[in-house]
């Protein structure tokens, strides 16, 4: 069933309304989402400062025990160090640093001795480049006051949050979008299947839905399988045995440029799903924000339909 992909005469008006809706949400709620994250990040930074003697005694054992503090250490220097810059300056293993950054863990195949040697190099760079304008107690005899530590932690937290501002906003928007879908479905007597209860996507009872459900697909060649997460999986009330649920990917964007960079992601998912399960797959988008005609045309050409959040009742036209 086609809902919006074949109606380009409506796209321009929908884009304008979607941009207005996103901007209204951003002005009202994005600052709160950012501040909430910054408050927690400040607490995390304060803990990292405490464990490193307030940047005066960075021991490899501390980093080994708490690899998650590496981003805090990178943002504590003057200037703040990007991941690749730290790797180059310290002359350390790329895999070690990037695993610490992305997974908050140390490499499994590196010996403890080798890890300590690498962490010692990192600690030396951080101590040498620690920002004296933030850590005003460096080089003096008097220990830092609680107010100075909190102020320094707030500055480092701002640096950390600034580096990941877009993901913070995107995550908050995605939560809001899924909440909107949940409210719409529950108003029509649909029941939520919680994540982790073991229900397969193709064994969901009629009138149920779930979020961030893994769906196995076969990669090119048909030998290896991987799970891809689907934001919203909905089994219509009218579904019969053997019917497939309807998939929706929640997408939001705060500018037009970013959507053009990401538009192939959905096409890849659609191709993987159809190559595994055939044409019975219904993979659609739930959009809010800056999605211009070029993006919509690209997705329409791939057979991907969508629902605008400002017109959420279009969900009913998918038979939901």
C-alpha atoms as a PDB file:
ATOM      1  CA  UNK A   1       0.000   0.000   0.000  1.00  0.00           C
ATOM      2  CA  UNK A   2       1.435   3.375  -1.063  1.00  0.00           C
ATOM      3  CA  UNK A   3       0.833   6.341   1.242  1.00  0.00           C
ATOM      4  CA  UNK A   4       3.180   9.275   0.579  1.00  0.00           C
ATOM      5  CA  UNK A   5       5.937   8.256  -1.831  1.00  0.00           C
ATOM      6  CA  UNK A   6       3.698   8.703  -4.910  1.00  0.00           C
ATOM      7  CA  UNK A   7       2.386  12.169  -3.978  1.00  0.00           C
ATOM      8  CA  UNK A   8       5.182  14.647  -4.845  1.00  0.00           C
ATOM      9  CA  UNK A   9       2.614  17.437  -5.106  1.00  0.00           C
ATOM     10  CA  UNK A  10       2.333  17.293  -1.285  1.00  0.00           C
ATOM     11  CA  UNK A  11       6.034  17.067  -0.509  1.00  0.00           C
ATOM     12  CA  UNK A  12       6.811  20.797  -0.445  1.00  0.00           C
ATOM     13  CA  UNK A  13       4.043  21.619   2.053  1.00  0.00           C
ATOM     14  CA  UNK A  14       4.932  18.607   4.186  1.00  0.00           C
ATOM     15  CA  UNK A  15       8.607  19.588   4.265  1.00  0.00           C
ATOM     16  CA  UNK A  16       7.722  23.079   5.489  1.00  0.00           C
ATOM     17  CA  UNK A  17       5.439  21.734   8.240  1.00  0.00           C
ATOM     18  CA  UNK A  18       8.024  19.151   9.283  1.00  0.00           C
ATOM     19  CA  UNK A  19      10.766  21.775   9.550  1.00  0.00           C
ATOM     20  CA  UNK A  20       8.487  23.956  11.676  1.00  0.00           C
ATOM     21  CA  UNK A  21       7.650  21.015  13.946  1.00  0.00           C
ATOM     22  CA  UNK A  22      11.301  20.093  14.428  1.00  0.00           C
ATOM     23  CA  UNK A  23      12.338  23.688  15.131  1.00  0.00           C
ATOM     24  CA  UNK A  24       9.548  24.101  17.671  1.00  0.00           C
ATOM     25  CA  UNK A  25      10.649  20.926  19.475  1.00  0.00           C
ATOM     26  CA  UNK A  26      14.304  21.966  19.338  1.00  0.00           C
ATOM     27  CA  UNK A  27      13.675  25.374  20.903  1.00  0.00           C
ATOM     28  CA  UNK A  28      11.563  23.902  23.699  1.00  0.00           C
ATOM     29  CA  UNK A  29      13.270  20.627  24.558  1.00  0.00           C
ATOM     30  CA  UNK A  30      16.778  20.361  23.067  1.00  0.00           C
ATOM     31  CA  UNK A  31      18.340  22.680  25.680  1.00  0.00           C
ATOM     32  CA  UNK A  32      16.850  20.517  28.449  1.00  0.00           C
ATOM     33  CA  UNK A  33      18.195  17.330  26.866  1.00  0.00           C
ATOM     34  CA  UNK A  34      21.640  18.897  26.518  1.00  0.00           C
ATOM     35  CA  UNK A  35      21.659  20.256  30.089  1.00  0.00           C
ATOM     36  CA  UNK A  36      20.562  16.906  31.527  1.00  0.00           C
ATOM     37  CA  UNK A  37      23.410  15.161  29.737  1.00  0.00           C
ATOM     38  CA  UNK A  38      25.864  17.862  30.810  1.00  0.00           C
ATOM     39  CA  UNK A  39      24.898  17.500  34.482  1.00  0.00           C
ATOM     40  CA  UNK A  40      25.576  13.763  34.406  1.00  0.00           C
ATOM     41  CA  UNK A  41      28.749  14.262  32.378  1.00  0.00           C
ATOM     42  CA  UNK A  42      30.004  16.796  34.955  1.00  0.00           C
ATOM     43  CA  UNK A  43      29.572  14.196  37.692  1.00  0.00           C
ATOM     44  CA  UNK A  44      31.474  11.656  35.594  1.00  0.00           C
ATOM     45  CA  UNK A  45      34.285  14.153  34.997  1.00  0.00           C
ATOM     46  CA  UNK A  46      34.512  14.954  38.707  1.00  0.00           C
ATOM     47  CA  UNK A  47      34.913  11.237  39.420  1.00  0.00           C
ATOM     48  CA  UNK A  48      37.640  11.000  36.770  1.00  0.00           C
ATOM     49  CA  UNK A  49      39.463  13.980  38.286  1.00  0.00           C
ATOM     50  CA  UNK A  50      39.302  12.408  41.730  1.00  0.00           C
ATOM     51  CA  UNK A  51      40.779   9.146  40.469  1.00  0.00           C
ATOM     52  CA  UNK A  52      43.665  10.921  38.729  1.00  0.00           C
ATOM     53  CA  UNK A  53      44.662  13.204  41.590  1.00  0.00           C
ATOM     54  CA  UNK A  54      42.933  16.051  39.757  1.00  0.00           C
ATOM     55  CA  UNK A  55      45.113  15.493  36.659  1.00  0.00           C
ATOM     56  CA  UNK A  56      48.339  15.547  38.717  1.00  0.00           C
ATOM     57  CA  UNK A  57      48.858  11.781  39.009  1.00  0.00           C
ATOM     58  CA  UNK A  58      47.478   9.868  36.015  1.00  0.00           C
ATOM     59  CA  UNK A  59      48.444   6.256  36.612  1.00  0.00           C
ATOM     60  CA  UNK A  60      48.150   3.517  33.969  1.00  0.00           C
ATOM     61  CA  UNK A  61      46.401   1.330  36.553  1.00  0.00           C
ATOM     62  CA  UNK A  62      43.601   3.908  36.845  1.00  0.00           C
ATOM     63  CA  UNK A  63      43.079   4.094  33.085  1.00  0.00           C
ATOM     64  CA  UNK A  64      43.219   0.301  32.861  1.00  0.00           C
ATOM     65  CA  UNK A  65      40.527   0.012  35.525  1.00  0.00           C
ATOM     66  CA  UNK A  66      38.427   2.825  34.048  1.00  0.00           C
ATOM     67  CA  UNK A  67      39.081   2.991  30.271  1.00  0.00           C
ATOM     68  CA  UNK A  68      35.921   5.076  29.918  1.00  0.00           C
ATOM     69  CA  UNK A  69      37.795   8.125  31.260  1.00  0.00           C
ATOM     70  CA  UNK A  70      39.900   8.513  28.108  1.00  0.00           C
ATOM     71  CA  UNK A  71      37.544  11.051  26.433  1.00  0.00           C
ATOM     72  CA  UNK A  72      37.652  13.124  29.635  1.00  0.00           C
ATOM     73  CA  UNK A  73      41.442  13.070  29.591  1.00  0.00           C
ATOM     74  CA  UNK A  74      41.494  14.120  25.914  1.00  0.00           C
ATOM     75  CA  UNK A  75      39.239  17.083  26.666  1.00  0.00           C
ATOM     76  CA  UNK A  76      41.461  18.122  29.601  1.00  0.00           C
ATOM     77  CA  UNK A  77      44.353  19.308  27.446  1.00  0.00           C
ATOM     78  CA  UNK A  78      45.207  22.568  25.695  1.00  0.00           C
ATOM     79  CA  UNK A  79      44.142  22.273  22.979  1.00  0.00           C
ATOM     80  CA  UNK A  80      41.660  19.398  23.384  1.00  0.00           C
ATOM     81  CA  UNK A  81      42.947  16.332  21.560  1.00  0.00           C
ATOM     82  CA  UNK A  82      41.052  14.466  18.868  1.00  0.00           C
ATOM     83  CA  UNK A  83      41.400  10.685  18.963  1.00  0.00           C
ATOM     84  CA  UNK A  84      43.802  10.488  16.015  1.00  0.00           C
ATOM     85  CA  UNK A  85      45.899  13.402  17.353  1.00  0.00           C
ATOM     86  CA  UNK A  86      46.350  11.618  20.689  1.00  0.00           C
ATOM     87  CA  UNK A  87      47.376   8.426  18.885  1.00  0.00           C
ATOM     88  CA  UNK A  88      49.952  10.331  16.863  1.00  0.00           C
ATOM     89  CA  UNK A  89      51.387  12.347  19.743  1.00  0.00           C
ATOM     90  CA  UNK A  90      51.638   9.419  22.127  1.00  0.00           C
ATOM     91  CA  UNK A  91      52.747   6.950  19.470  1.00  0.00           C
ATOM     92  CA  UNK A  92      50.314   4.328  20.716  1.00  0.00           C
ATOM     93  CA  UNK A  93      48.199   1.586  19.194  1.00  0.00           C
ATOM     94  CA  UNK A  94      45.257   2.796  17.132  1.00  0.00           C
ATOM     95  CA  UNK A  95      43.200  -0.275  18.030  1.00  0.00           C
ATOM     96  CA  UNK A  96      43.759   0.267  21.763  1.00  0.00           C
ATOM     97  CA  UNK A  97      42.654   3.889  21.737  1.00  0.00           C
ATOM     98  CA  UNK A  98      39.682   3.380  19.443  1.00  0.00           C
ATOM     99  CA  UNK A  99      38.425   0.385  21.426  1.00  0.00           C
ATOM    100  CA  UNK A 100      38.653   2.470  24.618  1.00  0.00           C
ATOM    101  CA  UNK A 101      36.746   5.273  22.933  1.00  0.00           C
ATOM    102  CA  UNK A 102      34.001   3.255  21.247  1.00  0.00           C
ATOM    103  CA  UNK A 103      33.544   0.311  23.629  1.00  0.00           C
ATOM    104  CA  UNK A 104      35.028   1.627  26.894  1.00  0.00           C
ATOM    105  CA  UNK A 105      37.178  -1.518  27.016  1.00  0.00           C
ATOM    106  CA  UNK A 106      40.794  -2.569  26.566  1.00  0.00           C
ATOM    107  CA  UNK A 107      41.969  -4.879  23.751  1.00  0.00           C
ATOM    108  CA  UNK A 108      41.579  -8.564  24.537  1.00  0.00           C
ATOM    109  CA  UNK A 109      44.645  -9.759  22.644  1.00  0.00           C
ATOM    110  CA  UNK A 110      47.167  -7.308  24.069  1.00  0.00           C
ATOM    111  CA  UNK A 111      49.245  -8.343  27.075  1.00  0.00           C
ATOM    112  CA  UNK A 112      48.951  -6.493  30.365  1.00  0.00           C
ATOM    113  CA  UNK A 113      52.556  -5.368  30.036  1.00  0.00           C
ATOM    114  CA  UNK A 114      51.990  -3.940  26.569  1.00  0.00           C
ATOM    115  CA  UNK A 115      48.779  -2.218  27.688  1.00  0.00           C
ATOM    116  CA  UNK A 116      50.541  -0.581  30.639  1.00  0.00           C
ATOM    117  CA  UNK A 117      53.318   0.640  28.360  1.00  0.00           C
ATOM    118  CA  UNK A 118      50.769   2.236  26.018  1.00  0.00           C
ATOM    119  CA  UNK A 119      48.755   3.770  28.839  1.00  0.00           C
ATOM    120  CA  UNK A 120      51.932   5.219  30.354  1.00  0.00           C
ATOM    121  CA  UNK A 121      52.582   7.061  27.077  1.00  0.00           C
ATOM    122  CA  UNK A 122      49.006   8.373  27.034  1.00  0.00           C
ATOM    123  CA  UNK A 123      49.235   9.528  30.660  1.00  0.00           C
ATOM    124  CA  UNK A 124      52.483  11.374  29.942  1.00  0.00           C
ATOM    125  CA  UNK A 125      50.922  13.305  27.057  1.00  0.00           C
ATOM    126  CA  UNK A 126      47.837  14.237  29.096  1.00  0.00           C
ATOM    127  CA  UNK A 127      49.877  15.448  32.079  1.00  0.00           C
ATOM    128  CA  UNK A 128      52.216  17.431  29.822  1.00  0.00           C
ATOM    129  CA  UNK A 129      49.357  19.111  27.934  1.00  0.00           C
ATOM    130  CA  UNK A 130      46.845  19.525  30.790  1.00  0.00           C
ATOM    131  CA  UNK A 131      45.165  22.917  30.416  1.00  0.00           C
ATOM    132  CA  UNK A 132      46.403  25.251  33.190  1.00  0.00           C
ATOM    133  CA  UNK A 133      43.565  27.685  32.549  1.00  0.00           C
ATOM    134  CA  UNK A 134      41.083  24.955  33.509  1.00  0.00           C
ATOM    135  CA  UNK A 135      43.096  23.211  36.200  1.00  0.00           C
ATOM    136  CA  UNK A 136      44.289  26.375  37.906  1.00  0.00           C
ATOM    137  CA  UNK A 137      45.968  24.432  40.732  1.00  0.00           C
ATOM    138  CA  UNK A 138      48.606  22.930  38.443  1.00  0.00           C
ATOM    139  CA  UNK A 139      52.032  24.207  39.408  1.00  0.00           C
ATOM    140  CA  UNK A 140      51.037  25.573  42.797  1.00  0.00           C
ATOM    141  CA  UNK A 141      51.436  24.111  46.262  1.00  0.00           C
ATOM    142  CA  UNK A 142      47.873  24.626  47.507  1.00  0.00           C
ATOM    143  CA  UNK A 143      45.430  21.825  46.622  1.00  0.00           C
ATOM    144  CA  UNK A 144      42.349  22.663  44.555  1.00  0.00           C
ATOM    145  CA  UNK A 145      39.197  23.809  46.283  1.00  0.00           C
ATOM    146  CA  UNK A 146      35.888  22.035  45.718  1.00  0.00           C
ATOM    147  CA  UNK A 147      34.671  25.066  43.773  1.00  0.00           C
ATOM    148  CA  UNK A 148      37.714  24.930  41.478  1.00  0.00           C
ATOM    149  CA  UNK A 149      37.273  21.208  40.858  1.00  0.00           C
ATOM    150  CA  UNK A 150      33.582  21.635  40.049  1.00  0.00           C
ATOM    151  CA  UNK A 151      34.311  24.564  37.736  1.00  0.00           C
ATOM    152  CA  UNK A 152      36.986  22.561  35.904  1.00  0.00           C
ATOM    153  CA  UNK A 153      34.669  19.554  35.625  1.00  0.00           C
ATOM    154  CA  UNK A 154      31.929  21.744  34.160  1.00  0.00           C
ATOM    155  CA  UNK A 155      34.290  23.128  31.504  1.00  0.00           C
ATOM    156  CA  UNK A 156      35.519  19.667  30.507  1.00  0.00           C
ATOM    157  CA  UNK A 157      31.919  18.395  30.478  1.00  0.00           C
ATOM    158  CA  UNK A 158      30.970  21.246  28.130  1.00  0.00           C
ATOM    159  CA  UNK A 159      33.795  20.215  25.828  1.00  0.00           C
ATOM    160  CA  UNK A 160      32.644  16.588  25.885  1.00  0.00           C
ATOM    161  CA  UNK A 161      29.004  17.453  25.288  1.00  0.00           C
ATOM    162  CA  UNK A 162      29.905  19.919  22.556  1.00  0.00           C
ATOM    163  CA  UNK A 163      31.791  17.178  20.729  1.00  0.00           C
ATOM    164  CA  UNK A 164      28.701  14.948  20.733  1.00  0.00           C
ATOM    165  CA  UNK A 165      25.956  17.600  20.640  1.00  0.00           C
ATOM    166  CA  UNK A 166      24.278  16.211  17.520  1.00  0.00           C
ATOM    167  CA  UNK A 167      23.987  12.626  18.866  1.00  0.00           C
ATOM    168  CA  UNK A 168      22.590  13.960  22.153  1.00  0.00           C
ATOM    169  CA  UNK A 169      19.870  15.872  20.305  1.00  0.00           C
ATOM    170  CA  UNK A 170      19.237  13.011  17.872  1.00  0.00           C
ATOM    171  CA  UNK A 171      18.822  10.486  20.688  1.00  0.00           C
ATOM    172  CA  UNK A 172      16.393  12.755  22.537  1.00  0.00           C
ATOM    173  CA  UNK A 173      14.378  13.291  19.346  1.00  0.00           C
ATOM    174  CA  UNK A 174      14.286   9.558  18.604  1.00  0.00           C
ATOM    175  CA  UNK A 175      12.926   8.828  22.086  1.00  0.00           C
ATOM    176  CA  UNK A 176      10.220  11.431  21.520  1.00  0.00           C
ATOM    177  CA  UNK A 177       9.340  10.003  18.111  1.00  0.00           C
ATOM    178  CA  UNK A 178       9.000   6.461  19.456  1.00  0.00           C
ATOM    179  CA  UNK A 179       6.893   7.782  22.328  1.00  0.00           C
ATOM    180  CA  UNK A 180       4.572   9.409  19.770  1.00  0.00           C
ATOM    181  CA  UNK A 181       4.215   6.111  17.879  1.00  0.00           C
ATOM    182  CA  UNK A 182       3.592   4.252  21.148  1.00  0.00           C
ATOM    183  CA  UNK A 183       0.861   6.678  22.220  1.00  0.00           C
ATOM    184  CA  UNK A 184      -0.816   6.479  18.806  1.00  0.00           C
ATOM    185  CA  UNK A 185      -0.811   2.664  18.827  1.00  0.00           C
ATOM    186  CA  UNK A 186      -1.942   2.278  22.423  1.00  0.00           C
ATOM    187  CA  UNK A 187      -4.856   4.611  21.737  1.00  0.00           C
ATOM    188  CA  UNK A 188      -5.928   1.971  19.220  1.00  0.00           C
ATOM    189  CA  UNK A 189      -5.552  -0.936  21.679  1.00  0.00           C
ATOM    190  CA  UNK A 190      -2.155  -2.165  20.487  1.00  0.00           C
ATOM    191  CA  UNK A 191       0.039  -3.816  23.140  1.00  0.00           C
ATOM    192  CA  UNK A 192       3.759  -3.199  23.571  1.00  0.00           C
ATOM    193  CA  UNK A 193       6.048  -6.243  23.595  1.00  0.00           C
ATOM    194  CA  UNK A 194       9.028  -5.285  25.789  1.00  0.00           C
ATOM    195  CA  UNK A 195      12.556  -5.710  24.449  1.00  0.00           C
ATOM    196  CA  UNK A 196      14.223  -8.910  25.569  1.00  0.00           C
ATOM    197  CA  UNK A 197      11.167 -11.119  26.059  1.00  0.00           C
ATOM    198  CA  UNK A 198      12.338 -13.488  23.303  1.00  0.00           C
ATOM    199  CA  UNK A 199       9.562 -12.848  20.793  1.00  0.00           C
ATOM    200  CA  UNK A 200      10.713 -13.028  17.181  1.00  0.00           C
ATOM    201  CA  UNK A 201       9.649 -10.275  14.826  1.00  0.00           C
ATOM    202  CA  UNK A 202       7.762 -12.754  12.597  1.00  0.00           C
ATOM    203  CA  UNK A 203       5.987 -14.429  15.522  1.00  0.00           C
ATOM    204  CA  UNK A 204       4.386 -11.344  17.034  1.00  0.00           C
ATOM    205  CA  UNK A 205       0.647 -11.674  17.760  1.00  0.00           C
ATOM    206  CA  UNK A 206      -1.750  -9.380  15.881  1.00  0.00           C
ATOM    207  CA  UNK A 207      -2.240  -6.023  17.579  1.00  0.00           C
ATOM    208  CA  UNK A 208       1.253  -5.840  19.093  1.00  0.00           C
ATOM    209  CA  UNK A 209       4.346  -3.727  18.525  1.00  0.00           C
ATOM    210  CA  UNK A 210       7.925  -3.521  19.721  1.00  0.00           C
ATOM    211  CA  UNK A 211      10.822  -1.073  19.533  1.00  0.00           C
ATOM    212  CA  UNK A 212      14.440  -1.622  18.465  1.00  0.00           C
ATOM    213  CA  UNK A 213      13.828  -5.236  17.564  1.00  0.00           C
ATOM    214  CA  UNK A 214      16.600  -7.181  15.852  1.00  0.00           C
ATOM    215  CA  UNK A 215      15.758  -8.692  12.473  1.00  0.00           C
ATOM    216  CA  UNK A 216      18.227 -11.204  10.956  1.00  0.00           C
ATOM    217  CA  UNK A 217      19.225 -10.615   7.328  1.00  0.00           C
ATOM    218  CA  UNK A 218      21.613 -12.404   4.993  1.00  0.00           C
ATOM    219  CA  UNK A 219      24.581 -10.498   3.656  1.00  0.00           C
ATOM    220  CA  UNK A 220      25.623 -10.547   0.016  1.00  0.00           C
ATOM    221  CA  UNK A 221      26.286 -14.124  -1.011  1.00  0.00           C
ATOM    222  CA  UNK A 222      23.638 -15.499   1.336  1.00  0.00           C
ATOM    223  CA  UNK A 223      26.088 -17.266   3.641  1.00  0.00           C
ATOM    224  CA  UNK A 224      26.559 -14.960   6.602  1.00  0.00           C
ATOM    225  CA  UNK A 225      23.663 -13.514   8.612  1.00  0.00           C
ATOM    226  CA  UNK A 226      23.605 -10.427  10.812  1.00  0.00           C
ATOM    227  CA  UNK A 227      20.958  -8.740  12.932  1.00  0.00           C
ATOM    228  CA  UNK A 228      19.826  -5.255  11.994  1.00  0.00           C
ATOM    229  CA  UNK A 229      17.829  -3.214  14.530  1.00  0.00           C
ATOM    230  CA  UNK A 230      14.446  -1.854  13.448  1.00  0.00           C
ATOM    231  CA  UNK A 231      13.106   1.107  15.435  1.00  0.00           C
ATOM    232  CA  UNK A 232       9.414   0.147  15.371  1.00  0.00           C
ATOM    233  CA  UNK A 233       7.937  -3.234  14.419  1.00  0.00           C
ATOM    234  CA  UNK A 234       4.135  -3.347  14.236  1.00  0.00           C
ATOM    235  CA  UNK A 235       1.910  -6.387  13.673  1.00  0.00           C
ATOM    236  CA  UNK A 236      -1.479  -5.039  12.500  1.00  0.00           C
ATOM    237  CA  UNK A 237      -4.685  -6.041  14.264  1.00  0.00           C
ATOM    238  CA  UNK A 238      -5.886  -7.568  11.007  1.00  0.00           C
ATOM    239  CA  UNK A 239      -2.763  -9.721  10.496  1.00  0.00           C
ATOM    240  CA  UNK A 240      -3.212 -13.413   9.749  1.00  0.00           C
ATOM    241  CA  UNK A 241      -0.862 -16.304  10.431  1.00  0.00           C
ATOM    242  CA  UNK A 242       2.247 -15.965   8.309  1.00  0.00           C
ATOM    243  CA  UNK A 243       1.832 -12.212   7.752  1.00  0.00           C
ATOM    244  CA  UNK A 244       4.837  -9.970   8.169  1.00  0.00           C
ATOM    245  CA  UNK A 245       4.872  -7.020  10.576  1.00  0.00           C
ATOM    246  CA  UNK A 246       5.338  -3.501   9.258  1.00  0.00           C
ATOM    247  CA  UNK A 247       8.717  -1.868   9.884  1.00  0.00           C
ATOM    248  CA  UNK A 248       9.315   1.811  10.615  1.00  0.00           C
ATOM    249  CA  UNK A 249      12.598   3.638  11.044  1.00  0.00           C
ATOM    250  CA  UNK A 250      12.366   6.845  13.107  1.00  0.00           C
ATOM    251  CA  UNK A 251      14.387   9.579  11.408  1.00  0.00           C
ATOM    252  CA  UNK A 252      14.923  13.186  12.437  1.00  0.00           C
ATOM    253  CA  UNK A 253      17.288  15.835  11.129  1.00  0.00           C
ATOM    254  CA  UNK A 254      18.174  19.395  12.065  1.00  0.00           C
ATOM    255  CA  UNK A 255      19.510  20.396   8.644  1.00  0.00           C
ATOM    256  CA  UNK A 256      19.129  19.410   5.014  1.00  0.00           C
ATOM    257  CA  UNK A 257      22.821  18.574   4.438  1.00  0.00           C
ATOM    258  CA  UNK A 258      22.909  15.807   7.014  1.00  0.00           C
ATOM    259  CA  UNK A 259      19.960  13.936   5.501  1.00  0.00           C
ATOM    260  CA  UNK A 260      21.625  13.727   2.102  1.00  0.00           C
ATOM    261  CA  UNK A 261      24.665  12.120   3.708  1.00  0.00           C
ATOM    262  CA  UNK A 262      22.511   9.534   5.485  1.00  0.00           C
ATOM    263  CA  UNK A 263      19.917   8.725   2.827  1.00  0.00           C
ATOM    264  CA  UNK A 264      21.673   5.569   1.635  1.00  0.00           C
ATOM    265  CA  UNK A 265      21.384   3.958   5.097  1.00  0.00           C
ATOM    266  CA  UNK A 266      17.693   3.222   4.643  1.00  0.00           C
ATOM    267  CA  UNK A 267      18.186   1.964   1.088  1.00  0.00           C
ATOM    268  CA  UNK A 268      20.791  -0.519   2.311  1.00  0.00           C
ATOM    269  CA  UNK A 269      18.433  -1.811   5.017  1.00  0.00           C
ATOM    270  CA  UNK A 270      15.616  -2.158   2.519  1.00  0.00           C
ATOM    271  CA  UNK A 271      17.856  -4.077   0.107  1.00  0.00           C
ATOM    272  CA  UNK A 272      19.012  -6.439   2.866  1.00  0.00           C
ATOM    273  CA  UNK A 273      15.474  -7.068   4.081  1.00  0.00           C
ATOM    274  CA  UNK A 274      14.062  -7.713   0.619  1.00  0.00           C
ATOM    275  CA  UNK A 275      16.930  -9.955  -0.448  1.00  0.00           C
ATOM    276  CA  UNK A 276      16.249 -12.056   2.663  1.00  0.00           C
ATOM    277  CA  UNK A 277      12.446 -12.013   2.878  1.00  0.00           C
ATOM    278  CA  UNK A 278      11.207 -10.896  -0.533  1.00  0.00           C
ATOM    279  CA  UNK A 279       8.683  -8.261  -1.564  1.00  0.00           C
ATOM    280  CA  UNK A 280       6.415  -8.896   1.431  1.00  0.00           C
ATOM    281  CA  UNK A 281       8.681  -6.625   3.497  1.00  0.00           C
ATOM    282  CA  UNK A 282       7.172  -3.218   4.271  1.00  0.00           C
ATOM    283  CA  UNK A 283       9.981  -0.914   5.381  1.00  0.00           C
ATOM    284  CA  UNK A 284       8.977   2.709   5.944  1.00  0.00           C
ATOM    285  CA  UNK A 285      10.197   5.907   7.566  1.00  0.00           C
ATOM    286  CA  UNK A 286       8.762   8.074  10.343  1.00  0.00           C
ATOM    287  CA  UNK A 287      10.061  11.554   9.574  1.00  0.00           C
ATOM    288  CA  UNK A 288      10.435  14.804  11.464  1.00  0.00           C
ATOM    289  CA  UNK A 289      12.687  17.665  10.445  1.00  0.00           C
ATOM    290  CA  UNK A 290      14.713  18.669   7.430  1.00  0.00           C
ATOM    291  CA  UNK A 291      14.019  16.148   4.667  1.00  0.00           C
ATOM    292  CA  UNK A 292      14.016  17.885   1.286  1.00  0.00           C
ATOM    293  CA  UNK A 293      12.631  16.702  -2.035  1.00  0.00           C
ATOM    294  CA  UNK A 294      15.914  15.159  -3.169  1.00  0.00           C
ATOM    295  CA  UNK A 295      15.973  12.916  -0.109  1.00  0.00           C
ATOM    296  CA  UNK A 296      12.309  11.962  -0.523  1.00  0.00           C
ATOM    297  CA  UNK A 297      12.772  11.229  -4.213  1.00  0.00           C
ATOM    298  CA  UNK A 298      15.756   9.006  -3.488  1.00  0.00           C
ATOM    299  CA  UNK A 299      13.817   6.982  -0.913  1.00  0.00           C
ATOM    300  CA  UNK A 300      10.730   6.790  -3.140  1.00  0.00           C
ATOM    301  CA  UNK A 301      12.872   5.399  -5.966  1.00  0.00           C
ATOM    302  CA  UNK A 302      13.993   2.646  -3.581  1.00  0.00           C
ATOM    303  CA  UNK A 303      10.361   1.803  -2.808  1.00  0.00           C
ATOM    304  CA  UNK A 304      10.541   3.237   0.703  1.00  0.00           C
ATOM    305  CA  UNK A 305       7.402   5.023   1.918  1.00  0.00           C
ATOM    306  CA  UNK A 306       7.064   7.321   4.926  1.00  0.00           C
ATOM    307  CA  UNK A 307       4.810   8.949   7.498  1.00  0.00           C
ATOM    308  CA  UNK A 308       5.362  12.538   8.601  1.00  0.00           C
ATOM    309  CA  UNK A 309       5.161  12.989  12.338  1.00  0.00           C
ATOM    310  CA  UNK A 310       3.015  16.094  11.935  1.00  0.00           C
ATOM    311  CA  UNK A 311       0.526  13.836  10.121  1.00  0.00           C
ATOM    312  CA  UNK A 312       0.923  10.731  12.264  1.00  0.00           C
ATOM    313  CA  UNK A 313      -2.611   9.520  11.476  1.00  0.00           C
ATOM    314  CA  UNK A 314      -1.239   8.393   8.098  1.00  0.00           C
ATOM    315  CA  UNK A 315      -0.115   5.288   9.991  1.00  0.00           C
ATOM    316  CA  UNK A 316      -3.692   4.052   9.616  1.00  0.00           C
ATOM    317  CA  UNK A 317      -3.264   3.990   5.830  1.00  0.00           C
ATOM    318  CA  UNK A 318      -0.715   1.188   6.209  1.00  0.00           C
ATOM    319  CA  UNK A 319      -3.461  -1.014   7.588  1.00  0.00           C
ATOM    320  CA  UNK A 320      -2.377  -0.485  11.179  1.00  0.00           C
END
